[in-house]
Amino acid sequence: MVTEQNPYAPPNAQTSPQTHDEWLKGIVWRDRDKMVIGRNAELPPRCFLTGEDTDCSVEIRATWPPAWSLRGLLLHPPQYFYTRRDVKLKVPIAQQVFRDHLRLTRFASKLTLLFAIALVVGFGQLTLSSFVWLAPACGILFVMVIIGFLFASTDPLQLHVENLTNDTLVLGRIHPRCLENLPDIREAQLRQ
């Protein structure tokens, strides 16, 4: 069995000179417009959405399914869930973006609760009366409760995971300012 080498993985200690600090685990570097994050790395304190310097951060969950396993979801669902990888990452976010997200999720939560109460009342009325229009209204309310719940439970930002291994996480669609001052993986490879 031939194993494919990860182009983003740091070289092992035997082949890597000690002067290449950017290859150590726990370091963040860039590859063109992508951010490559080593295990236990601390991200630069810049909002991933706005590029502003910030001291606020949120924990985001992201999933990376390999491209071939998306087809496997339809053909063989157990294999898709077996090969899927999840990651939690503490991501810097501007305080205003976080406040806006909180305001929206609180509103969605209250609206969802209101729809859920209306649904319960509607089902109670459906069993006691013969209003023909009440059954479709309860169906619509049920759909609204599900949509509201999904909306209220979203993360403030979506990470665009392009690759995830045991040692590295590769993120795309990062604000260009977040990539400033990060060591370039290509330059490091050329120095070797």
N, C-alpha and C. Protein backbone atom coordinates (compact mmCIF):
# COMPACT_ATOMS: atom_id res chain seq x y z
N MET A 1 0.84 -1.18 0.00
CA MET A 1 0.00 0.00 0.00
C MET A 1 0.88 1.24 0.00
N VAL A 2 0.67 2.12 -0.96
CA VAL A 2 1.45 3.34 -1.08
C VAL A 2 0.71 4.46 -0.33
N THR A 3 1.43 5.12 0.56
CA THR A 3 0.80 6.22 1.30
C THR A 3 1.13 7.53 0.61
N GLU A 4 0.14 8.37 0.49
CA GLU A 4 0.31 9.67 -0.13
C GLU A 4 0.87 10.66 0.89
N GLN A 5 1.93 11.37 0.53
CA GLN A 5 2.56 12.31 1.45
C GLN A 5 1.76 13.61 1.49
N ASN A 6 1.52 14.11 2.67
CA ASN A 6 0.78 15.36 2.87
C ASN A 6 1.71 16.53 2.57
N PRO A 7 1.38 17.37 1.55
CA PRO A 7 2.27 18.49 1.23
C PRO A 7 2.31 19.57 2.30
N TYR A 8 1.35 19.56 3.21
CA TYR A 8 1.30 20.59 4.25
C TYR A 8 1.93 20.13 5.56
N ALA A 9 2.27 18.85 5.66
CA ALA A 9 2.81 18.34 6.91
C ALA A 9 4.23 18.86 7.13
N PRO A 10 4.57 19.17 8.37
CA PRO A 10 5.94 19.59 8.64
C PRO A 10 6.90 18.42 8.46
N PRO A 11 8.10 18.67 7.96
CA PRO A 11 9.05 17.57 7.80
C PRO A 11 9.44 17.01 9.17
N ASN A 12 9.85 15.74 9.17
CA ASN A 12 10.23 15.15 10.46
C ASN A 12 11.57 15.72 10.93
N ALA A 13 11.86 15.53 12.18
CA ALA A 13 13.02 16.16 12.80
C ALA A 13 14.35 15.70 12.19
N GLN A 14 14.41 14.46 11.63
CA GLN A 14 15.67 13.96 11.09
C GLN A 14 16.06 14.68 9.80
N THR A 15 15.09 15.11 8.99
CA THR A 15 15.42 15.75 7.73
C THR A 15 15.32 17.27 7.80
N SER A 16 14.79 17.79 8.88
CA SER A 16 14.57 19.23 8.99
C SER A 16 15.69 19.90 9.78
N PRO A 17 16.30 20.94 9.22
CA PRO A 17 17.29 21.68 10.00
C PRO A 17 16.62 22.38 11.18
N GLN A 18 17.34 22.58 12.26
CA GLN A 18 16.81 23.19 13.46
C GLN A 18 16.44 24.66 13.25
N THR A 19 16.97 25.32 12.22
CA THR A 19 16.71 26.73 12.01
C THR A 19 15.33 27.02 11.44
N HIS A 20 14.62 26.02 10.98
CA HIS A 20 13.32 26.21 10.37
C HIS A 20 12.22 26.11 11.42
N ASP A 21 12.06 27.18 12.22
CA ASP A 21 11.07 27.19 13.29
C ASP A 21 9.65 27.07 12.78
N GLU A 22 9.39 27.53 11.52
CA GLU A 22 8.04 27.49 11.01
C GLU A 22 7.54 26.06 10.78
N TRP A 23 8.43 25.09 10.84
CA TRP A 23 8.01 23.71 10.63
C TRP A 23 7.63 23.01 11.92
N LEU A 24 7.85 23.66 13.04
CA LEU A 24 7.52 23.02 14.30
C LEU A 24 6.01 22.91 14.46
N LYS A 25 5.59 21.88 15.19
CA LYS A 25 4.16 21.76 15.48
C LYS A 25 3.73 22.96 16.32
N GLY A 26 2.48 23.32 16.19
CA GLY A 26 1.97 24.46 16.94
C GLY A 26 2.19 25.78 16.23
N ILE A 27 2.57 25.73 14.96
CA ILE A 27 2.84 26.94 14.20
C ILE A 27 1.79 27.09 13.10
N VAL A 28 1.46 28.33 12.79
CA VAL A 28 0.54 28.65 11.71
C VAL A 28 1.36 29.23 10.57
N TRP A 29 1.14 28.78 9.34
CA TRP A 29 1.82 29.35 8.20
C TRP A 29 0.83 29.48 7.06
N ARG A 30 1.27 30.06 5.95
CA ARG A 30 0.36 30.26 4.82
C ARG A 30 0.89 29.54 3.59
N ASP A 31 -0.04 29.18 2.74
CA ASP A 31 0.27 28.61 1.44
C ASP A 31 -0.61 29.35 0.44
N ARG A 32 -0.02 30.35 -0.18
CA ARG A 32 -0.74 31.29 -1.06
C ARG A 32 -1.88 31.95 -0.29
N ASP A 33 -3.13 31.62 -0.63
CA ASP A 33 -4.27 32.24 0.05
C ASP A 33 -4.91 31.32 1.08
N LYS A 34 -4.19 30.30 1.51
CA LYS A 34 -4.69 29.35 2.50
C LYS A 34 -3.90 29.49 3.80
N MET A 35 -4.56 29.17 4.91
CA MET A 35 -3.89 29.15 6.21
C MET A 35 -3.71 27.70 6.60
N VAL A 36 -2.47 27.34 6.93
CA VAL A 36 -2.15 25.98 7.36
C VAL A 36 -1.85 26.05 8.85
N ILE A 37 -2.60 25.29 9.63
CA ILE A 37 -2.52 25.37 11.08
C ILE A 37 -2.01 24.05 11.62
N GLY A 38 -0.90 24.10 12.36
CA GLY A 38 -0.36 22.92 13.01
C GLY A 38 -1.13 22.60 14.28
N ARG A 39 -0.95 21.39 14.75
CA ARG A 39 -1.65 20.97 15.98
C ARG A 39 -1.27 21.88 17.15
N ASN A 40 -2.25 22.27 17.94
CA ASN A 40 -2.09 23.12 19.12
C ASN A 40 -1.54 24.51 18.80
N ALA A 41 -1.73 24.98 17.58
CA ALA A 41 -1.23 26.29 17.20
C ALA A 41 -2.13 27.39 17.73
N GLU A 42 -1.55 28.54 17.96
CA GLU A 42 -2.30 29.72 18.37
C GLU A 42 -2.47 30.60 17.13
N LEU A 43 -3.71 30.92 16.80
CA LEU A 43 -3.99 31.71 15.61
C LEU A 43 -3.67 33.19 15.84
N PRO A 44 -3.31 33.90 14.77
CA PRO A 44 -3.08 35.33 14.92
C PRO A 44 -4.37 36.01 15.38
N PRO A 45 -4.29 37.02 16.24
CA PRO A 45 -5.50 37.64 16.81
C PRO A 45 -6.20 38.60 15.84
N ARG A 46 -6.62 38.07 14.70
CA ARG A 46 -7.33 38.87 13.70
C ARG A 46 -8.61 38.15 13.30
N CYS A 47 -9.68 38.93 13.20
CA CYS A 47 -10.98 38.38 12.85
C CYS A 47 -10.92 37.73 11.48
N PHE A 48 -11.44 36.51 11.37
CA PHE A 48 -11.44 35.80 10.11
C PHE A 48 -12.41 36.42 9.11
N LEU A 49 -13.38 37.20 9.58
CA LEU A 49 -14.36 37.82 8.68
C LEU A 49 -13.96 39.22 8.24
N THR A 50 -13.49 40.03 9.19
CA THR A 50 -13.22 41.44 8.88
C THR A 50 -11.74 41.76 8.77
N GLY A 51 -10.88 40.93 9.34
CA GLY A 51 -9.45 41.20 9.33
C GLY A 51 -9.00 42.17 10.42
N GLU A 52 -9.92 42.60 11.29
CA GLU A 52 -9.59 43.52 12.38
C GLU A 52 -8.83 42.79 13.48
N ASP A 53 -7.92 43.50 14.15
CA ASP A 53 -7.28 42.94 15.33
C ASP A 53 -8.34 42.80 16.42
N THR A 54 -8.30 41.71 17.16
CA THR A 54 -9.33 41.46 18.16
C THR A 54 -8.78 40.61 19.29
N ASP A 55 -9.41 40.72 20.44
CA ASP A 55 -9.08 39.85 21.56
C ASP A 55 -10.23 38.90 21.88
N CYS A 56 -11.24 38.90 21.04
CA CYS A 56 -12.41 38.04 21.20
C CYS A 56 -12.24 36.80 20.32
N SER A 57 -12.66 35.66 20.82
CA SER A 57 -12.59 34.44 20.01
C SER A 57 -13.77 33.53 20.36
N VAL A 58 -14.10 32.65 19.45
CA VAL A 58 -15.17 31.68 19.65
C VAL A 58 -14.67 30.31 19.24
N GLU A 59 -15.25 29.29 19.83
CA GLU A 59 -14.90 27.93 19.45
C GLU A 59 -15.83 27.48 18.33
N ILE A 60 -15.25 27.08 17.22
CA ILE A 60 -16.00 26.68 16.04
C ILE A 60 -15.74 25.20 15.78
N ARG A 61 -16.79 24.50 15.42
CA ARG A 61 -16.66 23.10 15.01
C ARG A 61 -16.70 23.05 13.49
N ALA A 62 -15.82 22.29 12.91
CA ALA A 62 -15.79 22.14 11.46
C ALA A 62 -15.61 20.66 11.12
N THR A 63 -16.09 20.30 9.95
CA THR A 63 -16.00 18.92 9.47
C THR A 63 -15.33 18.92 8.12
N TRP A 64 -14.48 17.94 7.92
CA TRP A 64 -13.85 17.79 6.61
C TRP A 64 -14.12 16.39 6.10
N PRO A 65 -14.97 16.26 5.13
CA PRO A 65 -15.09 14.97 4.46
C PRO A 65 -14.19 14.96 3.23
N PRO A 66 -13.44 13.89 3.02
CA PRO A 66 -12.67 13.81 1.77
C PRO A 66 -13.61 13.89 0.57
N ALA A 67 -13.13 14.43 -0.54
CA ALA A 67 -13.98 14.65 -1.72
C ALA A 67 -14.64 13.35 -2.20
N TRP A 68 -13.90 12.26 -2.16
CA TRP A 68 -14.48 11.00 -2.64
C TRP A 68 -15.56 10.48 -1.72
N SER A 69 -15.54 10.86 -0.45
CA SER A 69 -16.53 10.32 0.47
C SER A 69 -17.88 11.01 0.35
N LEU A 70 -17.92 12.20 -0.29
CA LEU A 70 -19.22 12.84 -0.51
C LEU A 70 -20.07 11.98 -1.45
N ARG A 71 -19.43 11.41 -2.45
CA ARG A 71 -20.16 10.47 -3.30
C ARG A 71 -20.53 9.23 -2.50
N GLY A 72 -19.66 8.89 -1.56
CA GLY A 72 -19.92 7.73 -0.72
C GLY A 72 -21.10 7.91 0.21
N LEU A 73 -21.46 9.17 0.49
CA LEU A 73 -22.62 9.42 1.34
C LEU A 73 -23.87 8.82 0.70
N LEU A 74 -23.97 8.93 -0.61
CA LEU A 74 -25.11 8.36 -1.31
C LEU A 74 -24.96 6.85 -1.52
N LEU A 75 -23.74 6.41 -1.83
CA LEU A 75 -23.53 5.00 -2.14
C LEU A 75 -23.33 4.13 -0.90
N HIS A 76 -22.63 4.67 0.10
CA HIS A 76 -22.33 3.88 1.29
C HIS A 76 -22.23 4.80 2.50
N PRO A 77 -23.36 5.19 3.09
CA PRO A 77 -23.35 6.17 4.20
C PRO A 77 -22.46 5.79 5.39
N PRO A 78 -22.39 4.53 5.81
CA PRO A 78 -21.51 4.24 6.97
C PRO A 78 -20.04 4.60 6.70
N GLN A 79 -19.58 4.39 5.47
CA GLN A 79 -18.19 4.73 5.15
C GLN A 79 -17.98 6.24 5.21
N TYR A 80 -18.97 7.02 4.79
CA TYR A 80 -18.86 8.47 4.86
C TYR A 80 -18.66 8.92 6.30
N PHE A 81 -19.45 8.40 7.22
CA PHE A 81 -19.34 8.83 8.61
C PHE A 81 -18.09 8.27 9.27
N TYR A 82 -17.57 7.17 8.75
CA TYR A 82 -16.33 6.61 9.29
C TYR A 82 -15.13 7.46 8.87
N THR A 83 -15.13 7.99 7.64
CA THR A 83 -13.97 8.74 7.15
C THR A 83 -14.05 10.23 7.45
N ARG A 84 -15.19 10.70 7.91
CA ARG A 84 -15.36 12.11 8.22
C ARG A 84 -14.51 12.50 9.43
N ARG A 85 -13.92 13.70 9.38
CA ARG A 85 -13.10 14.18 10.49
C ARG A 85 -13.69 15.49 11.01
N ASP A 86 -13.73 15.61 12.32
CA ASP A 86 -14.24 16.82 12.97
C ASP A 86 -13.11 17.51 13.70
N VAL A 87 -13.20 18.82 13.81
CA VAL A 87 -12.19 19.59 14.52
C VAL A 87 -12.89 20.74 15.25
N LYS A 88 -12.38 21.04 16.44
CA LYS A 88 -12.79 22.24 17.18
C LYS A 88 -11.62 23.20 17.13
N LEU A 89 -11.92 24.46 16.85
CA LEU A 89 -10.86 25.45 16.72
C LEU A 89 -11.31 26.75 17.36
N LYS A 90 -10.45 27.33 18.17
CA LYS A 90 -10.73 28.63 18.77
C LYS A 90 -10.33 29.71 17.76
N VAL A 91 -11.33 30.39 17.19
CA VAL A 91 -11.12 31.31 16.09
C VAL A 91 -11.32 32.75 16.54
N PRO A 92 -10.38 33.65 16.22
CA PRO A 92 -10.56 35.05 16.56
C PRO A 92 -11.71 35.66 15.74
N ILE A 93 -12.51 36.49 16.39
CA ILE A 93 -13.64 37.13 15.72
C ILE A 93 -13.82 38.52 16.32
N ALA A 94 -14.16 39.48 15.48
CA ALA A 94 -14.37 40.84 15.96
C ALA A 94 -15.55 40.88 16.92
N GLN A 95 -15.45 41.71 17.95
CA GLN A 95 -16.51 41.79 18.94
C GLN A 95 -17.84 42.21 18.33
N GLN A 96 -17.81 43.11 17.35
CA GLN A 96 -19.06 43.55 16.72
C GLN A 96 -19.70 42.40 15.95
N VAL A 97 -18.90 41.60 15.27
CA VAL A 97 -19.44 40.44 14.54
C VAL A 97 -20.06 39.46 15.53
N PHE A 98 -19.39 39.26 16.66
CA PHE A 98 -19.91 38.33 17.68
C PHE A 98 -21.21 38.87 18.28
N ARG A 99 -21.26 40.17 18.57
CA ARG A 99 -22.49 40.77 19.12
C ARG A 99 -23.64 40.66 18.13
N ASP A 100 -23.37 40.92 16.86
CA ASP A 100 -24.42 40.80 15.84
C ASP A 100 -24.93 39.36 15.75
N HIS A 101 -24.01 38.41 15.83
CA HIS A 101 -24.40 37.00 15.78
C HIS A 101 -25.26 36.65 17.00
N LEU A 102 -24.86 37.10 18.18
CA LEU A 102 -25.64 36.83 19.38
C LEU A 102 -27.04 37.43 19.28
N ARG A 103 -27.12 38.65 18.77
CA ARG A 103 -28.43 39.31 18.62
C ARG A 103 -29.32 38.50 17.68
N LEU A 104 -28.76 38.04 16.57
CA LEU A 104 -29.54 37.26 15.61
C LEU A 104 -29.97 35.92 16.18
N THR A 105 -29.07 35.23 16.88
CA THR A 105 -29.43 33.91 17.43
C THR A 105 -30.45 34.05 18.56
N ARG A 106 -30.36 35.11 19.34
CA ARG A 106 -31.38 35.32 20.38
C ARG A 106 -32.74 35.58 19.76
N PHE A 107 -32.77 36.39 18.70
CA PHE A 107 -34.02 36.65 18.01
C PHE A 107 -34.58 35.36 17.42
N ALA A 108 -33.71 34.56 16.78
CA ALA A 108 -34.16 33.30 16.19
C ALA A 108 -34.66 32.34 17.27
N SER A 109 -34.01 32.33 18.43
CA SER A 109 -34.44 31.46 19.53
C SER A 109 -35.82 31.86 20.04
N LYS A 110 -36.03 33.16 20.20
CA LYS A 110 -37.34 33.64 20.67
C LYS A 110 -38.43 33.34 19.66
N LEU A 111 -38.12 33.55 18.38
CA LEU A 111 -39.10 33.27 17.32
C LEU A 111 -39.40 31.77 17.26
N THR A 112 -38.37 30.94 17.43
CA THR A 112 -38.57 29.49 17.42
C THR A 112 -39.45 29.07 18.59
N LEU A 113 -39.21 29.64 19.75
CA LEU A 113 -40.05 29.34 20.92
C LEU A 113 -41.49 29.75 20.66
N LEU A 114 -41.69 30.91 20.05
CA LEU A 114 -43.04 31.37 19.73
C LEU A 114 -43.72 30.41 18.75
N PHE A 115 -42.99 29.97 17.71
CA PHE A 115 -43.56 29.00 16.76
C PHE A 115 -43.88 27.68 17.45
N ALA A 116 -43.01 27.24 18.36
CA ALA A 116 -43.24 25.98 19.07
C ALA A 116 -44.49 26.07 19.94
N ILE A 117 -44.69 27.19 20.63
CA ILE A 117 -45.90 27.38 21.45
C ILE A 117 -47.13 27.39 20.55
N ALA A 118 -47.06 28.10 19.42
CA ALA A 118 -48.18 28.13 18.49
C ALA A 118 -48.47 26.74 17.93
N LEU A 119 -47.43 25.95 17.72
CA LEU A 119 -47.61 24.58 17.21
C LEU A 119 -48.33 23.72 18.24
N VAL A 120 -47.94 23.82 19.50
CA VAL A 120 -48.60 23.04 20.56
C VAL A 120 -50.06 23.46 20.69
N VAL A 121 -50.31 24.77 20.68
CA VAL A 121 -51.69 25.25 20.75
C VAL A 121 -52.47 24.79 19.53
N GLY A 122 -51.84 24.86 18.36
CA GLY A 122 -52.50 24.42 17.12
C GLY A 122 -52.87 22.95 17.16
N PHE A 123 -51.96 22.10 17.64
CA PHE A 123 -52.27 20.66 17.75
C PHE A 123 -53.40 20.43 18.75
N GLY A 124 -53.39 21.20 19.85
CA GLY A 124 -54.48 21.08 20.83
C GLY A 124 -55.81 21.45 20.22
N GLN A 125 -55.85 22.52 19.43
CA GLN A 125 -57.08 22.94 18.77
C GLN A 125 -57.49 21.95 17.68
N LEU A 126 -56.49 21.34 17.03
CA LEU A 126 -56.77 20.38 15.95
C LEU A 126 -57.52 19.17 16.49
N THR A 127 -57.17 18.72 17.68
CA THR A 127 -57.84 17.55 18.26
C THR A 127 -59.21 17.90 18.81
N LEU A 128 -59.43 19.17 19.17
CA LEU A 128 -60.71 19.56 19.76
C LEU A 128 -61.71 20.10 18.74
N SER A 129 -61.25 20.52 17.60
CA SER A 129 -62.16 21.14 16.64
C SER A 129 -61.98 20.53 15.26
N SER A 130 -62.77 21.01 14.34
CA SER A 130 -62.71 20.47 12.98
C SER A 130 -62.32 21.54 11.96
N PHE A 131 -61.40 22.43 12.36
CA PHE A 131 -60.93 23.44 11.41
C PHE A 131 -60.04 22.76 10.37
N VAL A 132 -60.46 22.82 9.11
CA VAL A 132 -59.72 22.17 8.03
C VAL A 132 -58.38 22.86 7.78
N TRP A 133 -58.31 24.14 7.94
CA TRP A 133 -57.10 24.90 7.66
C TRP A 133 -56.04 24.75 8.74
N LEU A 134 -56.40 24.15 9.88
CA LEU A 134 -55.47 24.07 11.00
C LEU A 134 -54.36 23.04 10.78
N ALA A 135 -54.68 21.95 10.09
CA ALA A 135 -53.66 20.92 9.84
C ALA A 135 -52.50 21.45 8.99
N PRO A 136 -52.77 22.11 7.84
CA PRO A 136 -51.65 22.68 7.08
C PRO A 136 -50.90 23.76 7.86
N ALA A 137 -51.63 24.54 8.66
CA ALA A 137 -50.97 25.57 9.47
C ALA A 137 -50.02 24.94 10.47
N CYS A 138 -50.42 23.82 11.07
CA CYS A 138 -49.52 23.12 12.01
C CYS A 138 -48.30 22.57 11.29
N GLY A 139 -48.47 22.10 10.08
CA GLY A 139 -47.34 21.62 9.28
C GLY A 139 -46.35 22.74 8.99
N ILE A 140 -46.87 23.91 8.64
CA ILE A 140 -46.01 25.06 8.37
C ILE A 140 -45.30 25.49 9.65
N LEU A 141 -46.02 25.51 10.77
CA LEU A 141 -45.39 25.87 12.05
C LEU A 141 -44.28 24.88 12.42
N PHE A 142 -44.51 23.59 12.15
CA PHE A 142 -43.50 22.57 12.44
C PHE A 142 -42.23 22.84 11.63
N VAL A 143 -42.39 23.15 10.35
CA VAL A 143 -41.23 23.48 9.50
C VAL A 143 -40.53 24.73 10.01
N MET A 144 -41.29 25.72 10.43
CA MET A 144 -40.71 26.96 10.96
C MET A 144 -39.92 26.71 12.25
N VAL A 145 -40.40 25.80 13.09
CA VAL A 145 -39.67 25.46 14.32
C VAL A 145 -38.33 24.83 13.97
N ILE A 146 -38.32 23.93 13.02
CA ILE A 146 -37.07 23.27 12.62
C ILE A 146 -36.10 24.29 12.01
N ILE A 147 -36.57 25.13 11.12
CA ILE A 147 -35.71 26.15 10.51
C ILE A 147 -35.18 27.10 11.57
N GLY A 148 -36.05 27.53 12.48
CA GLY A 148 -35.62 28.43 13.55
C GLY A 148 -34.57 27.80 14.44
N PHE A 149 -34.75 26.52 14.77
CA PHE A 149 -33.76 25.82 15.59
C PHE A 149 -32.41 25.76 14.88
N LEU A 150 -32.42 25.40 13.60
CA LEU A 150 -31.17 25.33 12.85
C LEU A 150 -30.50 26.70 12.76
N PHE A 151 -31.28 27.74 12.53
CA PHE A 151 -30.73 29.08 12.43
C PHE A 151 -30.16 29.55 13.77
N ALA A 152 -30.85 29.23 14.86
CA ALA A 152 -30.41 29.67 16.18
C ALA A 152 -29.17 28.93 16.65
N SER A 153 -28.88 27.78 16.08
CA SER A 153 -27.73 27.00 16.53
C SER A 153 -26.52 27.10 15.60
N THR A 154 -26.50 28.06 14.68
CA THR A 154 -25.36 28.20 13.77
C THR A 154 -24.19 28.88 14.45
N ASP A 155 -23.00 28.63 13.92
CA ASP A 155 -21.79 29.29 14.39
C ASP A 155 -21.71 30.69 13.79
N PRO A 156 -20.97 31.60 14.43
CA PRO A 156 -20.86 32.96 13.90
C PRO A 156 -20.16 33.03 12.55
N LEU A 157 -19.36 32.05 12.22
CA LEU A 157 -18.72 32.00 10.91
C LEU A 157 -18.51 30.54 10.53
N GLN A 158 -18.44 30.32 9.24
CA GLN A 158 -18.22 28.98 8.73
C GLN A 158 -16.77 28.87 8.27
N LEU A 159 -16.07 27.86 8.76
CA LEU A 159 -14.70 27.62 8.33
C LEU A 159 -14.74 26.82 7.03
N HIS A 160 -13.89 27.19 6.09
CA HIS A 160 -13.81 26.48 4.82
C HIS A 160 -12.61 25.54 4.87
N VAL A 161 -12.85 24.35 5.41
CA VAL A 161 -11.78 23.37 5.60
C VAL A 161 -11.48 22.74 4.25
N GLU A 162 -10.21 22.84 3.84
CA GLU A 162 -9.80 22.24 2.58
C GLU A 162 -9.07 20.92 2.79
N ASN A 163 -8.50 20.74 3.97
CA ASN A 163 -7.82 19.48 4.27
C ASN A 163 -7.66 19.39 5.79
N LEU A 164 -7.75 18.18 6.29
CA LEU A 164 -7.59 17.96 7.72
C LEU A 164 -6.89 16.63 7.93
N THR A 165 -5.72 16.68 8.55
CA THR A 165 -4.99 15.46 8.89
C THR A 165 -4.78 15.44 10.40
N ASN A 166 -4.04 14.47 10.89
CA ASN A 166 -3.76 14.41 12.32
C ASN A 166 -2.89 15.57 12.79
N ASP A 167 -2.06 16.12 11.90
CA ASP A 167 -1.12 17.18 12.30
C ASP A 167 -1.48 18.57 11.80
N THR A 168 -2.25 18.67 10.72
CA THR A 168 -2.50 19.98 10.13
C THR A 168 -3.96 20.16 9.74
N LEU A 169 -4.35 21.41 9.70
CA LEU A 169 -5.66 21.84 9.23
C LEU A 169 -5.42 22.92 8.19
N VAL A 170 -6.01 22.79 7.01
CA VAL A 170 -5.84 23.77 5.95
C VAL A 170 -7.17 24.48 5.73
N LEU A 171 -7.16 25.81 5.91
CA LEU A 171 -8.36 26.62 5.74
C LEU A 171 -8.24 27.50 4.52
N GLY A 172 -9.30 27.58 3.74
CA GLY A 172 -9.35 28.48 2.59
C GLY A 172 -10.32 29.62 2.88
N ARG A 173 -10.38 30.57 1.97
CA ARG A 173 -11.26 31.74 2.09
C ARG A 173 -11.04 32.51 3.39
N ILE A 174 -9.78 32.76 3.68
CA ILE A 174 -9.39 33.50 4.87
C ILE A 174 -9.20 34.97 4.48
N HIS A 175 -9.57 35.87 5.35
CA HIS A 175 -9.35 37.30 5.10
C HIS A 175 -7.86 37.52 4.88
N PRO A 176 -7.47 38.24 3.81
CA PRO A 176 -6.05 38.42 3.50
C PRO A 176 -5.22 38.99 4.65
N ARG A 177 -5.83 39.84 5.46
CA ARG A 177 -5.08 40.43 6.58
C ARG A 177 -4.69 39.37 7.61
N CYS A 178 -5.47 38.29 7.72
CA CYS A 178 -5.13 37.21 8.65
C CYS A 178 -3.89 36.45 8.21
N LEU A 179 -3.58 36.53 6.92
CA LEU A 179 -2.42 35.81 6.39
C LEU A 179 -1.14 36.64 6.44
N GLU A 180 -1.28 37.94 6.72
CA GLU A 180 -0.09 38.81 6.79
C GLU A 180 0.84 38.33 7.89
N ASN A 181 2.12 38.44 7.65
CA ASN A 181 3.18 38.13 8.61
C ASN A 181 3.26 36.66 8.98
N LEU A 182 2.53 35.80 8.30
CA LEU A 182 2.69 34.36 8.54
C LEU A 182 3.81 33.85 7.64
N PRO A 183 4.63 32.92 8.14
CA PRO A 183 5.68 32.38 7.27
C PRO A 183 5.06 31.65 6.08
N ASP A 184 5.70 31.78 4.93
CA ASP A 184 5.20 31.15 3.70
C ASP A 184 5.78 29.76 3.58
N ILE A 185 4.92 28.78 3.42
CA ILE A 185 5.35 27.38 3.35
C ILE A 185 6.23 27.15 2.12
N ARG A 186 5.98 27.83 1.03
CA ARG A 186 6.76 27.65 -0.20
C ARG A 186 8.20 28.16 -0.02
N GLU A 187 8.34 29.30 0.64
CA GLU A 187 9.69 29.83 0.90
C GLU A 187 10.46 28.88 1.80
N ALA A 188 9.79 28.33 2.78
CA ALA A 188 10.45 27.40 3.71
C ALA A 188 10.89 26.15 2.97
N GLN A 189 10.08 25.68 2.02
CA GLN A 189 10.46 24.49 1.26
C GLN A 189 11.64 24.78 0.35
N LEU A 190 11.72 25.99 -0.20
CA LEU A 190 12.83 26.35 -1.07
C LEU A 190 14.15 26.44 -0.30
N ARG A 191 14.09 26.84 0.97
CA ARG A 191 15.30 26.98 1.79
C ARG A 191 15.89 25.61 2.17
N GLN A 192 15.10 24.58 2.05
CA GLN A 192 15.61 23.25 2.47
C GLN A 192 16.57 22.67 1.47
